[in-house]
Amino acid sequence: MAKRPRRNHSSAFKAKVALAAVQGDKTLVELSEHFDIHANQITQWKSQLLARASAAFEGSGPSAPPVDVKTLHAKIGALALENDFLEGALNQAGLLSARQ
């Protein structure tokens, strides 16, 4: 019997095989025949998937840093003040009434 050359499988393929094993629709023998992988390899990938499953949900909350509401309210107030000032200056110059 000739040895098969070493194969490198992508992480997507490993995940696909491991998920099929976790689902339990087929036996390990059926999966190994279907994917042409040894049953021990499927068992290893399945255990790795189950061991690292919690990592998939780590940091899934909001990734943006918390917003400082007081700073934002201060910025809104400053911008409103600037808008009022500019509106008054444009009214005095007679430019605002021409735009409306």
C-alpha atoms as a PDB file:
ATOM      1  CA  MET A   1       0.000   0.000   0.000  1.00  0.00           C
ATOM      2  CA  ALA A   2       1.468   3.324  -1.072  1.00  0.00           C
ATOM      3  CA  LYS A   3       1.481   6.229   1.316  1.00  0.00           C
ATOM      4  CA  ARG A   4      -0.640   9.179   0.398  1.00  0.00           C
ATOM      5  CA  PRO A   5       1.238  12.514   0.309  1.00  0.00           C
ATOM      6  CA  ARG A   6       0.552  14.875   3.191  1.00  0.00           C
ATOM      7  CA  ARG A   7      -2.421  17.131   2.587  1.00  0.00           C
ATOM      8  CA  ASN A   8      -2.970  20.573   4.071  1.00  0.00           C
ATOM      9  CA  HIS A   9      -6.597  21.463   4.601  1.00  0.00           C
ATOM     10  CA  SER A  10      -7.924  24.989   4.830  1.00  0.00           C
ATOM     11  CA  SER A  11      -9.531  26.204   8.013  1.00  0.00           C
ATOM     12  CA  ALA A  12     -12.844  26.558   6.165  1.00  0.00           C
ATOM     13  CA  PHE A  13     -12.743  22.883   5.196  1.00  0.00           C
ATOM     14  CA  LYS A  14     -11.875  21.857   8.763  1.00  0.00           C
ATOM     15  CA  ALA A  15     -14.755  23.913  10.101  1.00  0.00           C
ATOM     16  CA  LYS A  16     -17.128  22.380   7.573  1.00  0.00           C
ATOM     17  CA  VAL A  17     -16.120  18.847   8.546  1.00  0.00           C
ATOM     18  CA  ALA A  18     -16.213  19.600  12.278  1.00  0.00           C
ATOM     19  CA  LEU A  19     -19.668  21.177  12.029  1.00  0.00           C
ATOM     20  CA  ALA A  20     -20.928  18.145  10.121  1.00  0.00           C
ATOM     21  CA  ALA A  21     -19.573  15.959  12.927  1.00  0.00           C
ATOM     22  CA  VAL A  22     -21.203  18.123  15.614  1.00  0.00           C
ATOM     23  CA  GLN A  23     -24.571  17.981  13.851  1.00  0.00           C
ATOM     24  CA  GLY A  24     -24.566  14.206  14.206  1.00  0.00           C
ATOM     25  CA  ASP A  25     -26.616  13.491  11.085  1.00  0.00           C
ATOM     26  CA  LYS A  26     -24.003  11.005   9.858  1.00  0.00           C
ATOM     27  CA  THR A  27     -21.664   8.648  11.634  1.00  0.00           C
ATOM     28  CA  LEU A  28     -17.912   9.205  11.727  1.00  0.00           C
ATOM     29  CA  VAL A  29     -17.425   6.444   9.174  1.00  0.00           C
ATOM     30  CA  GLU A  30     -19.877   8.078   6.775  1.00  0.00           C
ATOM     31  CA  LEU A  31     -18.219  11.461   7.249  1.00  0.00           C
ATOM     32  CA  SER A  32     -14.741  10.039   6.756  1.00  0.00           C
ATOM     33  CA  GLU A  33     -15.824   8.394   3.491  1.00  0.00           C
ATOM     34  CA  HIS A  34     -17.638  11.512   2.323  1.00  0.00           C
ATOM     35  CA  PHE A  35     -14.780  13.947   3.050  1.00  0.00           C
ATOM     36  CA  ASP A  36     -11.963  11.399   2.468  1.00  0.00           C
ATOM     37  CA  ILE A  37     -10.527  12.099   5.924  1.00  0.00           C
ATOM     38  CA  HIS A  38      -9.611   9.624   8.658  1.00  0.00           C
ATOM     39  CA  ALA A  39     -12.173   9.351  11.463  1.00  0.00           C
ATOM     40  CA  ASN A  40      -9.553  10.245  14.080  1.00  0.00           C
ATOM     41  CA  GLN A  41      -8.859  13.508  12.263  1.00  0.00           C
ATOM     42  CA  ILE A  42     -12.558  14.359  12.258  1.00  0.00           C
ATOM     43  CA  THR A  43     -12.713  13.647  15.985  1.00  0.00           C
ATOM     44  CA  GLN A  44      -9.747  15.955  16.615  1.00  0.00           C
ATOM     45  CA  TRP A  45     -11.251  18.795  14.572  1.00  0.00           C
ATOM     46  CA  LYS A  46     -14.601  18.335  16.324  1.00  0.00           C
ATOM     47  CA  SER A  47     -12.998  18.546  19.763  1.00  0.00           C
ATOM     48  CA  GLN A  48     -11.019  21.646  18.710  1.00  0.00           C
ATOM     49  CA  LEU A  49     -14.221  23.280  17.477  1.00  0.00           C
ATOM     50  CA  LEU A  50     -16.048  22.552  20.706  1.00  0.00           C
ATOM     51  CA  ALA A  51     -13.110  23.718  22.838  1.00  0.00           C
ATOM     52  CA  ARG A  52     -12.811  27.021  20.984  1.00  0.00           C
ATOM     53  CA  ALA A  53     -16.518  27.698  20.444  1.00  0.00           C
ATOM     54  CA  SER A  54     -16.651  30.260  23.234  1.00  0.00           C
ATOM     55  CA  ALA A  55     -13.943  32.322  21.495  1.00  0.00           C
ATOM     56  CA  ALA A  56     -16.357  32.964  18.626  1.00  0.00           C
ATOM     57  CA  PHE A  57     -18.526  35.037  20.947  1.00  0.00           C
ATOM     58  CA  GLU A  58     -15.818  36.924  22.811  1.00  0.00           C
ATOM     59  CA  GLY A  59     -15.872  40.625  22.138  1.00  0.00           C
ATOM     60  CA  SER A  60     -19.101  40.383  20.187  1.00  0.00           C
ATOM     61  CA  GLY A  61     -20.483  43.372  22.075  1.00  0.00           C
ATOM     62  CA  PRO A  62     -20.143  46.918  20.855  1.00  0.00           C
ATOM     63  CA  SER A  63     -16.593  47.470  19.689  1.00  0.00           C
ATOM     64  CA  ALA A  64     -16.770  51.261  19.851  1.00  0.00           C
ATOM     65  CA  PRO A  65     -15.474  52.870  23.031  1.00  0.00           C
ATOM     66  CA  PRO A  66     -18.098  54.344  25.348  1.00  0.00           C
ATOM     67  CA  VAL A  67     -19.249  57.810  24.345  1.00  0.00           C
ATOM     68  CA  ASP A  68     -18.854  60.748  26.734  1.00  0.00           C
ATOM     69  CA  VAL A  69     -22.278  62.374  26.548  1.00  0.00           C
ATOM     70  CA  LYS A  70     -21.217  65.539  28.386  1.00  0.00           C
ATOM     71  CA  THR A  71     -18.522  66.245  25.807  1.00  0.00           C
ATOM     72  CA  LEU A  72     -20.981  65.734  22.972  1.00  0.00           C
ATOM     73  CA  HIS A  73     -23.547  68.061  24.565  1.00  0.00           C
ATOM     74  CA  ALA A  74     -20.851  70.717  25.001  1.00  0.00           C
ATOM     75  CA  LYS A  75     -19.885  70.356  21.342  1.00  0.00           C
ATOM     76  CA  ILE A  76     -23.532  70.669  20.255  1.00  0.00           C
ATOM     77  CA  GLY A  77     -23.890  73.831  22.330  1.00  0.00           C
ATOM     78  CA  ALA A  78     -20.739  75.355  20.828  1.00  0.00           C
ATOM     79  CA  LEU A  79     -21.892  74.576  17.285  1.00  0.00           C
ATOM     80  CA  ALA A  80     -25.354  76.020  17.956  1.00  0.00           C
ATOM     81  CA  LEU A  81     -23.718  79.204  19.281  1.00  0.00           C
ATOM     82  CA  GLU A  82     -21.518  79.463  16.180  1.00  0.00           C
ATOM     83  CA  ASN A  83     -24.528  78.949  13.888  1.00  0.00           C
ATOM     84  CA  ASP A  84     -26.480  81.685  15.665  1.00  0.00           C
ATOM     85  CA  PHE A  85     -23.512  84.055  15.443  1.00  0.00           C
ATOM     86  CA  LEU A  86     -22.988  83.375  11.737  1.00  0.00           C
ATOM     87  CA  GLU A  87     -26.701  83.749  11.024  1.00  0.00           C
ATOM     88  CA  GLY A  88     -26.703  87.169  12.709  1.00  0.00           C
ATOM     89  CA  ALA A  89     -23.574  88.263  10.852  1.00  0.00           C
ATOM     90  CA  LEU A  90     -25.014  87.189   7.503  1.00  0.00           C
ATOM     91  CA  ASN A  91     -28.295  88.975   8.255  1.00  0.00           C
ATOM     92  CA  GLN A  92     -26.405  92.202   9.001  1.00  0.00           C
ATOM     93  CA  ALA A  93     -24.460  91.876   5.777  1.00  0.00           C
ATOM     94  CA  GLY A  94     -27.657  91.191   3.830  1.00  0.00           C
ATOM     95  CA  LEU A  95     -26.388  87.874   2.463  1.00  0.00           C
ATOM     96  CA  LEU A  96     -28.693  85.507   4.313  1.00  0.00           C
ATOM     97  CA  SER A  97     -31.936  86.982   3.025  1.00  0.00           C
ATOM     98  CA  ALA A  98     -30.715  86.587  -0.596  1.00  0.00           C
ATOM     99  CA  ARG A  99     -30.158  82.855  -0.092  1.00  0.00           C
ATOM    100  CA  GLN A 100     -33.623  82.085   1.281  1.00  0.00           C
END
